[in-house]
C-alpha atoms as a PDB file:
ATOM      1  CA  MET A   1       4.341 136.632 181.551  1.00  0.00           C
ATOM      2  CA  MET A   2       6.236 133.910 181.038  1.00  0.00           C
ATOM      3  CA  ASP A   3       4.203 130.971 180.277  1.00  0.00           C
ATOM      4  CA  LYS A   4       4.330 128.148 183.304  1.00  0.00           C
ATOM      5  CA  GLU A   5       2.698 125.404 181.101  1.00  0.00           C
ATOM      6  CA  ILE A   6       6.008 125.140 180.008  1.00  0.00           C
ATOM      7  CA  MET A   7       7.758 124.543 182.974  1.00  0.00           C
ATOM      8  CA  ILE A   8       7.796 121.430 185.131  1.00  0.00           C
ATOM      9  CA  SER A   9       8.958 121.137 188.796  1.00  0.00           C
ATOM     10  CA  ASP A  10      11.712 118.440 189.410  1.00  0.00           C
ATOM     11  CA  MET A  11       9.431 116.753 191.689  1.00  0.00           C
ATOM     12  CA  GLU A  12       6.824 115.620 189.021  1.00  0.00           C
ATOM     13  CA  SER A  13       6.764 111.952 187.454  1.00  0.00           C
ATOM     14  CA  VAL A  14       7.227 111.247 183.441  1.00  0.00           C
ATOM     15  CA  LYS A  15       3.490 111.156 183.358  1.00  0.00           C
ATOM     16  CA  ASP A  16       3.184 114.621 184.350  1.00  0.00           C
ATOM     17  CA  ALA A  17       5.329 115.966 181.516  1.00  0.00           C
ATOM     18  CA  LEU A  18       4.080 113.820 179.119  1.00  0.00           C
ATOM     19  CA  LYS A  19       0.615 115.215 180.271  1.00  0.00           C
ATOM     20  CA  LYS A  20       1.836 118.641 180.346  1.00  0.00           C
ATOM     21  CA  LEU A  21       3.903 118.130 176.802  1.00  0.00           C
ATOM     22  CA  ASP A  22       0.175 117.177 175.222  1.00  0.00           C
ATOM     23  CA  LYS A  23      -1.181 120.814 176.874  1.00  0.00           C
ATOM     24  CA  THR A  24       1.162 122.464 175.173  1.00  0.00           C
ATOM     25  CA  ALA A  25       2.100 123.319 171.302  1.00  0.00           C
ATOM     26  CA  LYS A  26       5.927 122.426 172.567  1.00  0.00           C
ATOM     27  CA  LYS A  27       8.170 119.369 172.341  1.00  0.00           C
ATOM     28  CA  ALA A  28      10.148 120.527 175.593  1.00  0.00           C
ATOM     29  CA  LEU A  29       9.631 121.453 178.888  1.00  0.00           C
ATOM     30  CA  LEU A  30      12.121 123.086 181.297  1.00  0.00           C
ATOM     31  CA  VAL A  31      12.625 121.253 184.539  1.00  0.00           C
ATOM     32  CA  THR A  32      12.802 123.621 187.885  1.00  0.00           C
ATOM     33  CA  ASN A  33      13.165 124.028 191.043  1.00  0.00           C
ATOM     34  CA  ASN A  34      12.309 127.257 192.504  1.00  0.00           C
ATOM     35  CA  ASN A  35      12.652 129.051 189.294  1.00  0.00           C
ATOM     36  CA  LYS A  36      16.289 127.293 188.774  1.00  0.00           C
ATOM     37  CA  LEU A  37      16.380 125.960 185.866  1.00  0.00           C
ATOM     38  CA  LEU A  38      18.020 122.281 186.137  1.00  0.00           C
ATOM     39  CA  GLY A  39      17.680 120.790 182.589  1.00  0.00           C
ATOM     40  CA  ILE A  40      15.142 120.226 179.494  1.00  0.00           C
ATOM     41  CA  VAL A  41      13.139 117.122 178.840  1.00  0.00           C
ATOM     42  CA  THR A  42      11.490 116.621 175.473  1.00  0.00           C
ATOM     43  CA  ASP A  43       9.481 114.145 174.214  1.00  0.00           C
ATOM     44  CA  GLY A  44      12.480 111.829 172.231  1.00  0.00           C
ATOM     45  CA  ASP A  45      14.085 111.764 175.861  1.00  0.00           C
ATOM     46  CA  ILE A  46      10.467 110.540 177.335  1.00  0.00           C
ATOM     47  CA  ARG A  47      10.271 107.821 174.206  1.00  0.00           C
ATOM     48  CA  ARG A  48      13.640 106.648 174.680  1.00  0.00           C
ATOM     49  CA  PHE A  49      13.140 106.386 178.427  1.00  0.00           C
ATOM     50  CA  LEU A  50      10.228 104.178 177.932  1.00  0.00           C
ATOM     51  CA  LEU A  51      11.536 101.862 175.160  1.00  0.00           C
ATOM     52  CA  LYS A  52      13.872 100.783 177.855  1.00  0.00           C
ATOM     53  CA  GLY A  53      11.164  99.358 179.444  1.00  0.00           C
ATOM     54  CA  LYS A  54      10.643 102.231 182.488  1.00  0.00           C
ATOM     55  CA  SER A  55       7.606 103.151 183.805  1.00  0.00           C
ATOM     56  CA  LEU A  56       5.714 106.204 183.470  1.00  0.00           C
ATOM     57  CA  GLU A  57       5.243 106.631 187.158  1.00  0.00           C
ATOM     58  CA  SER A  58       9.377 107.338 187.726  1.00  0.00           C
ATOM     59  CA  ASP A  59      10.695 110.579 188.351  1.00  0.00           C
ATOM     60  CA  ILE A  60      11.513 112.683 186.105  1.00  0.00           C
ATOM     61  CA  ARG A  61      14.757 113.348 187.477  1.00  0.00           C
ATOM     62  CA  GLU A  62      15.675 109.933 186.045  1.00  0.00           C
ATOM     63  CA  VAL A  63      14.615 111.588 182.112  1.00  0.00           C
ATOM     64  CA  TYR A  64      15.362 115.292 181.833  1.00  0.00           C
ATOM     65  CA  ASN A  65      18.858 116.022 180.296  1.00  0.00           C
ATOM     66  CA  ARG A  66      21.151 118.274 182.525  1.00  0.00           C
ATOM     67  CA  LYS A  67      23.158 119.422 179.617  1.00  0.00           C
ATOM     68  CA  TYR A  68      21.765 122.136 177.826  1.00  0.00           C
ATOM     69  CA  ILE A  69      22.340 125.309 176.170  1.00  0.00           C
ATOM     70  CA  TYR A  70      20.930 128.513 177.213  1.00  0.00           C
ATOM     71  CA  VAL A  71      21.745 132.441 177.102  1.00  0.00           C
ATOM     72  CA  GLU A  72      22.528 134.352 179.982  1.00  0.00           C
ATOM     73  CA  ASP A  73      20.278 137.515 179.434  1.00  0.00           C
ATOM     74  CA  GLY A  74      21.518 140.276 177.765  1.00  0.00           C
ATOM     75  CA  THR A  75      24.671 138.561 176.461  1.00  0.00           C
ATOM     76  CA  LEU A  76      23.784 137.973 173.092  1.00  0.00           C
ATOM     77  CA  SER A  77      22.181 140.335 169.987  1.00  0.00           C
ATOM     78  CA  MET A  78      19.066 138.801 168.454  1.00  0.00           C
ATOM     79  CA  ASP A  79      21.383 137.923 165.307  1.00  0.00           C
ATOM     80  CA  GLY A  80      23.448 135.896 168.144  1.00  0.00           C
ATOM     81  CA  ILE A  81      20.519 133.913 169.378  1.00  0.00           C
ATOM     82  CA  ARG A  82      19.617 133.304 165.780  1.00  0.00           C
ATOM     83  CA  ASN A  83      22.863 131.997 164.825  1.00  0.00           C
ATOM     84  CA  LEU A  84      22.665 129.523 168.086  1.00  0.00           C
ATOM     85  CA  MET A  85      19.269 128.531 167.794  1.00  0.00           C
ATOM     86  CA  ARG A  86      20.093 127.920 164.158  1.00  0.00           C
ATOM     87  CA  ASP A  87      23.478 126.417 164.686  1.00  0.00           C
ATOM     88  CA  ASN A  88      22.299 124.166 167.423  1.00  0.00           C
ATOM     89  CA  LEU A  89      18.883 122.847 165.894  1.00  0.00           C
ATOM     90  CA  ILE A  90      17.641 124.453 169.351  1.00  0.00           C
ATOM     91  CA  GLU A  91      13.578 124.480 169.673  1.00  0.00           C
ATOM     92  CA  LEU A  92      13.379 126.034 172.921  1.00  0.00           C
ATOM     93  CA  LEU A  93      15.958 128.844 174.320  1.00  0.00           C
ATOM     94  CA  PRO A  94      16.274 129.206 177.824  1.00  0.00           C
ATOM     95  CA  ILE A  95      16.991 132.991 178.934  1.00  0.00           C
ATOM     96  CA  LEU A  96      18.354 132.986 182.082  1.00  0.00           C
ATOM     97  CA  ASP A  97      19.814 135.169 185.159  1.00  0.00           C
ATOM     98  CA  LYS A  98      23.213 134.546 186.445  1.00  0.00           C
ATOM     99  CA  GLU A  99      21.908 132.136 189.249  1.00  0.00           C
ATOM    100  CA  LYS A 100      20.388 130.355 186.246  1.00  0.00           C
ATOM    101  CA  ARG A 101      17.056 131.428 187.581  1.00  0.00           C
ATOM    102  CA  ILE A 102      14.471 131.675 184.197  1.00  0.00           C
ATOM    103  CA  ILE A 103      13.734 134.791 182.642  1.00  0.00           C
ATOM    104  CA  LYS A 104      11.768 133.881 179.999  1.00  0.00           C
ATOM    105  CA  TYR A 105      12.384 131.676 176.700  1.00  0.00           C
ATOM    106  CA  MET A 106      12.767 131.799 172.748  1.00  0.00           C
ATOM    107  CA  THR A 107      11.283 129.399 170.857  1.00  0.00           C
ATOM    108  CA  TRP A 108      12.299 128.985 166.873  1.00  0.00           C
ATOM    109  CA  GLY A 109       8.737 129.927 165.820  1.00  0.00           C
ATOM    110  CA  GLU A 110       9.358 133.226 167.319  1.00  0.00           C
ATOM    111  CA  VAL A 111      12.944 133.973 167.059  1.00  0.00           C
ATOM    112  CA  PHE A 112      12.780 133.068 163.060  1.00  0.00           C
ATOM    113  CA  ALA A 113       8.971 134.988 162.543  1.00  0.00           C
ATOM    114  CA  ASN A 114      10.061 137.358 159.671  1.00  0.00           C
ATOM    115  CA  VAL A 115      13.362 135.868 158.708  1.00  0.00           C
ATOM    116  CA  ASP A 116      13.719 133.757 155.299  1.00  0.00           C
ATOM    117  CA  LEU A 117      15.447 130.922 156.412  1.00  0.00           C
ATOM    118  CA  PRO A 118      16.887 128.472 153.165  1.00  0.00           C
ATOM    119  CA  LYS A 119      14.676 125.815 152.633  1.00  0.00           C
ATOM    120  CA  LYS A 120      15.185 122.421 154.235  1.00  0.00           C
ATOM    121  CA  ASN A 121      16.396 119.552 152.290  1.00  0.00           C
ATOM    122  CA  ILE A 122      14.102 116.730 152.491  1.00  0.00           C
ATOM    123  CA  LYS A 123      15.451 113.618 152.292  1.00  0.00           C
ATOM    124  CA  SER A 124      13.700 111.212 150.320  1.00  0.00           C
ATOM    125  CA  LEU A 125      12.691 108.024 152.775  1.00  0.00           C
ATOM    126  CA  ARG A 126      12.023 106.041 149.402  1.00  0.00           C
ATOM    127  CA  VAL A 127       9.380 103.802 151.450  1.00  0.00           C
ATOM    128  CA  PRO A 128       6.058 103.121 150.044  1.00  0.00           C
ATOM    129  CA  VAL A 129       2.787 104.055 152.082  1.00  0.00           C
ATOM    130  CA  VAL A 130      -0.642 102.193 152.136  1.00  0.00           C
ATOM    131  CA  ILE A 131      -3.983 103.425 152.823  1.00  0.00           C
ATOM    132  CA  MET A 132      -5.945 101.056 154.228  1.00  0.00           C
ATOM    133  CA  ALA A 133      -9.253 102.793 152.873  1.00  0.00           C
ATOM    134  CA  GLY A 134     -11.433  99.675 151.811  1.00  0.00           C
ATOM    135  CA  GLY A 135     -14.025  99.999 155.227  1.00  0.00           C
ATOM    136  CA  LYS A 136     -17.332 101.766 155.150  1.00  0.00           C
ATOM    137  CA  GLY A 137     -16.481 104.214 158.112  1.00  0.00           C
ATOM    138  CA  THR A 138     -19.816 102.990 159.936  1.00  0.00           C
ATOM    139  CA  ARG A 139     -18.650 105.833 162.989  1.00  0.00           C
ATOM    140  CA  LEU A 140     -18.825 108.271 160.627  1.00  0.00           C
ATOM    141  CA  GLU A 141     -22.428 107.864 159.898  1.00  0.00           C
ATOM    142  CA  PRO A 142     -24.487 109.310 157.894  1.00  0.00           C
ATOM    143  CA  PHE A 143     -21.773 110.895 156.080  1.00  0.00           C
ATOM    144  CA  ASN A 144     -20.870 107.360 154.820  1.00  0.00           C
ATOM    145  CA  LYS A 145     -23.903 106.684 153.375  1.00  0.00           C
ATOM    146  CA  ILE A 146     -23.044 109.331 150.873  1.00  0.00           C
ATOM    147  CA  VAL A 147     -19.573 110.060 151.029  1.00  0.00           C
ATOM    148  CA  PRO A 148     -16.673 107.152 151.477  1.00  0.00           C
ATOM    149  CA  LYS A 149     -14.790 107.530 154.704  1.00  0.00           C
ATOM    150  CA  PRO A 150     -11.305 108.293 152.293  1.00  0.00           C
ATOM    151  CA  LEU A 151     -12.742 111.364 150.489  1.00  0.00           C
ATOM    152  CA  ILE A 152     -14.642 112.883 153.573  1.00  0.00           C
ATOM    153  CA  PRO A 153     -13.240 116.254 154.012  1.00  0.00           C
ATOM    154  CA  LEU A 154     -11.231 118.228 155.860  1.00  0.00           C
ATOM    155  CA  GLY A 155     -11.679 121.653 155.028  1.00  0.00           C
ATOM    156  CA  ASP A 156     -10.793 122.014 151.199  1.00  0.00           C
ATOM    157  CA  LYS A 157      -9.547 118.651 150.917  1.00  0.00           C
ATOM    158  CA  SER A 158     -10.664 114.424 151.758  1.00  0.00           C
ATOM    159  CA  ILE A 159      -8.854 112.975 154.857  1.00  0.00           C
ATOM    160  CA  SER A 160      -7.063 110.578 152.364  1.00  0.00           C
ATOM    161  CA  GLU A 161      -5.604 113.600 150.367  1.00  0.00           C
ATOM    162  CA  ILE A 162      -4.363 115.381 154.112  1.00  0.00           C
ATOM    163  CA  ILE A 163      -2.863 112.326 155.419  1.00  0.00           C
ATOM    164  CA  MET A 164      -0.719 111.633 151.848  1.00  0.00           C
ATOM    165  CA  ASP A 165       0.298 115.112 152.278  1.00  0.00           C
ATOM    166  CA  GLU A 166       1.496 114.806 155.370  1.00  0.00           C
ATOM    167  CA  PHE A 167       3.520 111.792 154.268  1.00  0.00           C
ATOM    168  CA  LYS A 168       4.949 114.083 151.803  1.00  0.00           C
ATOM    169  CA  LYS A 169       6.342 116.354 154.062  1.00  0.00           C
ATOM    170  CA  HIS A 170       8.711 113.506 154.837  1.00  0.00           C
ATOM    171  CA  GLY A 171       9.532 112.961 150.576  1.00  0.00           C
ATOM    172  CA  ILE A 172       7.157 110.094 149.899  1.00  0.00           C
ATOM    173  CA  THR A 173       4.947 110.456 146.936  1.00  0.00           C
ATOM    174  CA  ASP A 174       4.374 106.420 146.191  1.00  0.00           C
ATOM    175  CA  PHE A 175       0.997 105.383 147.513  1.00  0.00           C
ATOM    176  CA  TYR A 176      -1.298 102.107 147.652  1.00  0.00           C
ATOM    177  CA  MET A 177      -4.727 102.620 148.662  1.00  0.00           C
ATOM    178  CA  THR A 178      -6.983  99.200 149.249  1.00  0.00           C
ATOM    179  CA  ILE A 179     -10.311  99.624 148.409  1.00  0.00           C
ATOM    180  CA  ASN A 180     -13.678  98.203 148.531  1.00  0.00           C
ATOM    181  CA  TYR A 181     -16.881  99.995 149.849  1.00  0.00           C
ATOM    182  CA  ARG A 182     -17.726 102.965 146.652  1.00  0.00           C
ATOM    183  CA  ARG A 183     -14.393 102.246 145.076  1.00  0.00           C
ATOM    184  CA  GLU A 184     -15.368 103.563 141.856  1.00  0.00           C
ATOM    185  CA  MET A 185     -16.230 106.882 143.405  1.00  0.00           C
ATOM    186  CA  ILE A 186     -12.666 107.077 144.759  1.00  0.00           C
ATOM    187  CA  ILE A 187     -11.175 105.780 141.638  1.00  0.00           C
ATOM    188  CA  SER A 188     -12.995 108.554 140.126  1.00  0.00           C
ATOM    189  CA  TYR A 189     -12.089 111.130 142.448  1.00  0.00           C
ATOM    190  CA  PHE A 190      -8.523 110.907 142.439  1.00  0.00           C
ATOM    191  CA  SER A 191      -8.347 110.289 138.534  1.00  0.00           C
ATOM    192  CA  ASN A 192     -10.134 113.679 138.073  1.00  0.00           C
ATOM    193  CA  ILE A 193      -8.082 115.972 140.825  1.00  0.00           C
ATOM    194  CA  ALA A 194      -4.388 117.214 140.036  1.00  0.00           C
ATOM    195  CA  ASN A 195      -2.146 115.816 142.890  1.00  0.00           C
ATOM    196  CA  GLU A 196       1.866 114.978 143.288  1.00  0.00           C
ATOM    197  CA  TYR A 197       1.322 111.411 144.581  1.00  0.00           C
ATOM    198  CA  ASP A 198       1.500 107.841 141.996  1.00  0.00           C
ATOM    199  CA  ILE A 199      -1.462 106.055 143.770  1.00  0.00           C
ATOM    200  CA  LYS A 200      -1.613 102.685 143.063  1.00  0.00           C
ATOM    201  CA  PHE A 201      -5.244 100.779 143.634  1.00  0.00           C
ATOM    202  CA  VAL A 202      -5.423  97.867 145.422  1.00  0.00           C
ATOM    203  CA  ILE A 203      -9.357  96.395 144.950  1.00  0.00           C
ATOM    204  CA  GLU A 204     -10.640  94.087 147.144  1.00  0.00           C
ATOM    205  CA  ASN A 205     -13.814  92.406 146.023  1.00  0.00           C
ATOM    206  CA  ASP A 206     -14.423  90.754 149.540  1.00  0.00           C
ATOM    207  CA  TYR A 207     -14.221  93.224 152.702  1.00  0.00           C
ATOM    208  CA  LEU A 208     -10.721  91.612 154.102  1.00  0.00           C
ATOM    209  CA  GLY A 209     -10.119  93.405 157.713  1.00  0.00           C
ATOM    210  CA  THR A 210      -8.008  95.512 158.606  1.00  0.00           C
ATOM    211  CA  ALA A 211      -4.980  93.305 157.306  1.00  0.00           C
ATOM    212  CA  GLY A 212      -6.411  90.882 154.703  1.00  0.00           C
ATOM    213  CA  SER A 213      -5.966  93.261 152.082  1.00  0.00           C
ATOM    214  CA  LEU A 214      -2.488  93.660 152.330  1.00  0.00           C
ATOM    215  CA  ASN A 215      -2.327  90.300 150.846  1.00  0.00           C
ATOM    216  CA  LEU A 216      -2.927  91.494 146.901  1.00  0.00           C
ATOM    217  CA  LEU A 217      -0.024  94.291 147.188  1.00  0.00           C
ATOM    218  CA  GLY A 218       2.025  92.110 144.908  1.00  0.00           C
ATOM    219  CA  PRO A 219       5.641  91.613 144.383  1.00  0.00           C
ATOM    220  CA  ASP A 220       7.161  95.382 144.136  1.00  0.00           C
ATOM    221  CA  ILE A 221       5.997  97.057 147.569  1.00  0.00           C
ATOM    222  CA  GLY A 222       9.558  96.370 148.610  1.00  0.00           C
ATOM    223  CA  ASP A 223      11.338  95.392 151.528  1.00  0.00           C
ATOM    224  CA  THR A 224       9.877  97.588 154.201  1.00  0.00           C
ATOM    225  CA  PHE A 225       6.744  99.866 153.876  1.00  0.00           C
ATOM    226  CA  ILE A 226       4.570 102.051 156.140  1.00  0.00           C
ATOM    227  CA  VAL A 227       0.550 100.925 156.519  1.00  0.00           C
ATOM    228  CA  SER A 228      -1.586 103.524 157.675  1.00  0.00           C
ATOM    229  CA  ASN A 229      -5.629 103.673 158.478  1.00  0.00           C
ATOM    230  CA  CYS A 230      -7.030 105.945 156.344  1.00  0.00           C
ATOM    231  CA  ASP A 231      -8.824 108.129 159.165  1.00  0.00           C
ATOM    232  CA  VAL A 232      -5.242 108.625 161.266  1.00  0.00           C
ATOM    233  CA  MET A 233      -3.031 110.821 161.508  1.00  0.00           C
ATOM    234  CA  VAL A 234       0.518 110.799 163.621  1.00  0.00           C
ATOM    235  CA  GLY A 235       2.596 113.187 163.550  1.00  0.00           C
ATOM    236  CA  ALA A 236       6.032 111.182 163.901  1.00  0.00           C
ATOM    237  CA  ASP A 237       9.807 111.521 162.169  1.00  0.00           C
ATOM    238  CA  PHE A 238       9.514 108.383 160.045  1.00  0.00           C
ATOM    239  CA  GLU A 239      12.936 108.847 159.177  1.00  0.00           C
ATOM    240  CA  GLU A 240      13.494 108.438 162.339  1.00  0.00           C
ATOM    241  CA  VAL A 241      10.934 105.536 162.993  1.00  0.00           C
ATOM    242  CA  LEU A 242      12.108 103.431 159.827  1.00  0.00           C
ATOM    243  CA  ASN A 243      15.464 103.903 161.275  1.00  0.00           C
ATOM    244  CA  PHE A 244      14.103 102.374 164.569  1.00  0.00           C
ATOM    245  CA  HIS A 245      12.598  99.197 163.285  1.00  0.00           C
ATOM    246  CA  ASN A 246      15.456  98.351 161.208  1.00  0.00           C
ATOM    247  CA  ALA A 247      18.231  98.593 164.174  1.00  0.00           C
ATOM    248  CA  GLN A 248      15.497  96.642 166.085  1.00  0.00           C
ATOM    249  CA  ASN A 249      15.380  94.307 163.028  1.00  0.00           C
ATOM    250  CA  ALA A 250      11.622  93.803 163.744  1.00  0.00           C
ATOM    251  CA  SER A 251       8.985  92.126 161.284  1.00  0.00           C
ATOM    252  CA  LEU A 252       6.725  94.740 162.470  1.00  0.00           C
ATOM    253  CA  THR A 253       6.871  97.839 164.175  1.00  0.00           C
ATOM    254  CA  VAL A 254       3.039  99.540 166.034  1.00  0.00           C
ATOM    255  CA  LEU A 255       3.178 103.116 166.177  1.00  0.00           C
ATOM    256  CA  SER A 256       1.339 103.816 169.690  1.00  0.00           C
ATOM    257  CA  ALA A 257       0.320 106.955 171.589  1.00  0.00           C
ATOM    258  CA  ILE A 258       0.328 107.470 175.130  1.00  0.00           C
ATOM    259  CA  ARG A 259      -3.002 108.866 176.031  1.00  0.00           C
ATOM    260  CA  HIS A 260      -4.514 109.654 179.165  1.00  0.00           C
ATOM    261  CA  TYR A 261      -8.355 109.306 180.630  1.00  0.00           C
ATOM    262  CA  LYS A 262     -10.070 110.451 183.624  1.00  0.00           C
ATOM    263  CA  ILE A 263     -13.443 108.797 184.511  1.00  0.00           C
ATOM    264  CA  PRO A 264     -15.975 111.470 185.264  1.00  0.00           C
ATOM    265  CA  TYR A 265     -17.171 109.411 187.841  1.00  0.00           C
ATOM    266  CA  GLY A 266     -15.778 107.943 191.522  1.00  0.00           C
ATOM    267  CA  VAL A 267     -15.021 104.466 191.104  1.00  0.00           C
ATOM    268  CA  ILE A 268     -15.924 102.092 193.678  1.00  0.00           C
ATOM    269  CA  GLN A 269     -14.190  98.704 194.550  1.00  0.00           C
ATOM    270  CA  PHE A 270     -16.402  96.193 196.370  1.00  0.00           C
ATOM    271  CA  LYS A 271     -16.018  92.342 197.609  1.00  0.00           C
ATOM    272  CA  GLU A 272     -18.852  89.686 197.759  1.00  0.00           C
ATOM    273  CA  GLU A 273     -22.317  91.363 199.577  1.00  0.00           C
ATOM    274  CA  GLY A 274     -21.496  93.965 197.907  1.00  0.00           C
ATOM    275  CA  LYS A 275     -18.888  95.917 200.655  1.00  0.00           C
ATOM    276  CA  ILE A 276     -17.120  98.417 199.492  1.00  0.00           C
ATOM    277  CA  VAL A 277     -13.344  98.425 200.388  1.00  0.00           C
ATOM    278  CA  GLY A 278     -12.057 101.349 198.441  1.00  0.00           C
ATOM    279  CA  ILE A 279     -13.568 104.654 195.802  1.00  0.00           C
ATOM    280  CA  SER A 280     -11.695 106.427 193.725  1.00  0.00           C
ATOM    281  CA  GLU A 281     -13.032 109.917 192.973  1.00  0.00           C
ATOM    282  CA  LYS A 282     -12.629 110.757 189.302  1.00  0.00           C
ATOM    283  CA  PRO A 283      -9.492 108.390 188.844  1.00  0.00           C
ATOM    284  CA  GLU A 284      -7.216 109.019 185.921  1.00  0.00           C
ATOM    285  CA  TYR A 285      -5.808 106.119 183.709  1.00  0.00           C
ATOM    286  CA  THR A 286      -3.204 106.124 181.348  1.00  0.00           C
ATOM    287  CA  PHE A 287      -2.856 103.473 178.385  1.00  0.00           C
ATOM    288  CA  THR A 288      -0.672 102.946 175.458  1.00  0.00           C
ATOM    289  CA  VAL A 289      -3.331 102.972 172.442  1.00  0.00           C
ATOM    290  CA  ASN A 290      -2.699 101.242 168.735  1.00  0.00           C
ATOM    291  CA  THR A 291      -2.853 104.710 166.352  1.00  0.00           C
ATOM    292  CA  GLY A 292      -3.222 102.134 163.286  1.00  0.00           C
ATOM    293  CA  VAL A 293      -0.225 103.030 161.907  1.00  0.00           C
ATOM    294  CA  TYR A 294       2.418 100.672 161.240  1.00  0.00           C
ATOM    295  CA  VAL A 295       5.799  99.991 159.616  1.00  0.00           C
ATOM    296  CA  PHE A 296       6.455  96.248 157.513  1.00  0.00           C
ATOM    297  CA  SER A 297       8.855  94.056 156.440  1.00  0.00           C
ATOM    298  CA  ARG A 298       7.960  92.295 153.794  1.00  0.00           C
ATOM    299  CA  SER A 299       8.245  89.042 155.557  1.00  0.00           C
ATOM    300  CA  ALA A 300       5.255  89.725 157.859  1.00  0.00           C
ATOM    301  CA  LEU A 301       2.768  89.436 155.123  1.00  0.00           C
ATOM    302  CA  SER A 302       3.490  85.547 154.774  1.00  0.00           C
ATOM    303  CA  PHE A 303       1.547  85.205 158.169  1.00  0.00           C
ATOM    304  CA  ILE A 304      -1.754  86.605 156.632  1.00  0.00           C
ATOM    305  CA  PRO A 305      -3.716  84.125 155.194  1.00  0.00           C
ATOM    306  CA  ARG A 306      -4.298  83.693 151.727  1.00  0.00           C
ATOM    307  CA  ASP A 307      -8.040  82.521 152.145  1.00  0.00           C
ATOM    308  CA  ASN A 308     -10.106  85.954 151.214  1.00  0.00           C
ATOM    309  CA  LYS A 309     -11.489  85.904 154.739  1.00  0.00           C
ATOM    310  CA  CYS A 310     -11.525  88.893 157.432  1.00  0.00           C
ATOM    311  CA  PHE A 311      -7.808  89.378 159.258  1.00  0.00           C
ATOM    312  CA  ASP A 312      -7.804  92.258 161.281  1.00  0.00           C
ATOM    313  CA  MET A 313      -4.086  93.714 162.224  1.00  0.00           C
ATOM    314  CA  THR A 314      -4.784  92.976 165.965  1.00  0.00           C
ATOM    315  CA  ASP A 315      -4.747  88.804 164.398  1.00  0.00           C
ATOM    316  CA  LEU A 316      -1.810  89.557 162.505  1.00  0.00           C
ATOM    317  CA  ILE A 317       0.104  90.863 165.828  1.00  0.00           C
ATOM    318  CA  ARG A 318      -1.179  87.875 167.608  1.00  0.00           C
ATOM    319  CA  LYS A 319       0.041  85.363 165.194  1.00  0.00           C
ATOM    320  CA  LEU A 320       3.327  87.327 164.422  1.00  0.00           C
ATOM    321  CA  ILE A 321       4.268  86.890 168.062  1.00  0.00           C
ATOM    322  CA  ALA A 322       2.953  83.114 168.160  1.00  0.00           C
ATOM    323  CA  GLY A 323       5.496  82.635 165.308  1.00  0.00           C
ATOM    324  CA  GLY A 324       7.907  83.807 167.422  1.00  0.00           C
ATOM    325  CA  GLU A 325       8.524  87.495 165.511  1.00  0.00           C
ATOM    326  CA  LYS A 326       9.433  90.514 166.750  1.00  0.00           C
ATOM    327  CA  VAL A 327       7.394  93.322 167.038  1.00  0.00           C
ATOM    328  CA  VAL A 328       7.695  96.360 168.650  1.00  0.00           C
ATOM    329  CA  THR A 329       6.176  99.628 169.970  1.00  0.00           C
ATOM    330  CA  TYR A 330       7.142 102.803 169.231  1.00  0.00           C
ATOM    331  CA  PRO A 331       5.394 105.305 171.358  1.00  0.00           C
ATOM    332  CA  VAL A 332       4.848 109.151 170.437  1.00  0.00           C
ATOM    333  CA  ASN A 333       2.555 111.899 172.511  1.00  0.00           C
ATOM    334  CA  GLU A 334      -1.220 112.067 172.434  1.00  0.00           C
ATOM    335  CA  ASN A 335      -0.923 115.422 171.132  1.00  0.00           C
ATOM    336  CA  ASP A 336       0.732 113.940 167.370  1.00  0.00           C
ATOM    337  CA  TYR A 337      -2.108 111.823 166.975  1.00  0.00           C
ATOM    338  CA  MET A 338      -5.614 112.420 165.645  1.00  0.00           C
ATOM    339  CA  ASP A 339      -8.463 109.766 165.015  1.00  0.00           C
ATOM    340  CA  ILE A 340     -10.393 111.514 162.485  1.00  0.00           C
ATOM    341  CA  GLY A 341     -12.982 107.961 162.499  1.00  0.00           C
ATOM    342  CA  ASN A 342     -15.591 109.586 164.363  1.00  0.00           C
ATOM    343  CA  TRP A 343     -17.295 112.697 165.064  1.00  0.00           C
ATOM    344  CA  ASP A 344     -16.256 113.688 168.033  1.00  0.00           C
ATOM    345  CA  GLU A 345     -12.499 113.465 166.876  1.00  0.00           C
ATOM    346  CA  TYR A 346     -13.240 114.543 163.341  1.00  0.00           C
ATOM    347  CA  LYS A 347     -14.563 118.209 164.860  1.00  0.00           C
ATOM    348  CA  LYS A 348     -11.096 118.314 167.124  1.00  0.00           C
ATOM    349  CA  ALA A 349      -8.868 117.470 164.224  1.00  0.00           C
ATOM    350  CA  ILE A 350     -10.430 120.659 162.100  1.00  0.00           C
ATOM    351  CA  ALA A 351     -10.166 122.825 164.890  1.00  0.00           C
ATOM    352  CA  LYS A 352      -6.760 121.294 165.570  1.00  0.00           C
ATOM    353  CA  LEU A 353      -5.734 121.873 161.649  1.00  0.00           C
ATOM    354  CA  GLN A 354      -7.332 125.258 161.741  1.00  0.00           C
ATOM    355  CA  LEU A 355      -9.651 124.376 158.726  1.00  0.00           C
END
């Protein structure tokens, strides 16, 4: 039976599409009407739509791609399907009948499961990543009383190693790590393990917040670099993110995630004297949240005070905006963002990474 989670009616909204994309591991949905395929919508289509200032409440018919590649059932061999998907880099291929009714679909993973493909050339992005690891990680008490947050294990590796592994997929091997709490343990750990990274430690003697220690990086950091909290992972195409940052001529790009929250209670609206004017049963809200991953232009560092006092990323963003600098966001799906900094999310990350 075909997975209905990958299909969406053309009568639904962009927000509905995002929620479906979050539930499935696929990166695309089949847009249908009475089981006839009308088009395909991807997370990239939605991102570009939202970056035009459009609303999540918009009709999906404003977004989906009506020009799509498909195969009529029985017309191609498996080798032909493989060639079609490989040549066009298709992640999801619908199989239709003559009336364009959906019979099934095929994914890249299914089609190439037992086929040796040449390894994809990884393009080195040649940008460093700064991992902000100076905090105490109080959300992970009592672990943090013994082990500093960047060394808390996920499977057989530390959180920070897994973050670096993800960046390595983009050819990035040059890392800075800002450290304070239990810094000797962090330096000792990375000095005694085999890894494929160049890690430079930046020591903050006082707690400088989530942005203040960036002043300690020195002149070698380069004109553009990525900053990541040490307890988050974002599954983005960082080549595309960097291209977006440069095309926008931005001082700072904030990677954001679109998250859906359902209130488990009836929410009451009332006026003076307690007069109820409305009630919503378990309403759901959608927010765009800061993931804790950023792309910096070097010029943004000049907005960080050099007084060795606590200065957070939110302070920097406000200061950049007030100074007329361009600050932009690059949104990703909820499913592409993991915050490992509290126990509930830590457990979810272990399950998600199948550790």
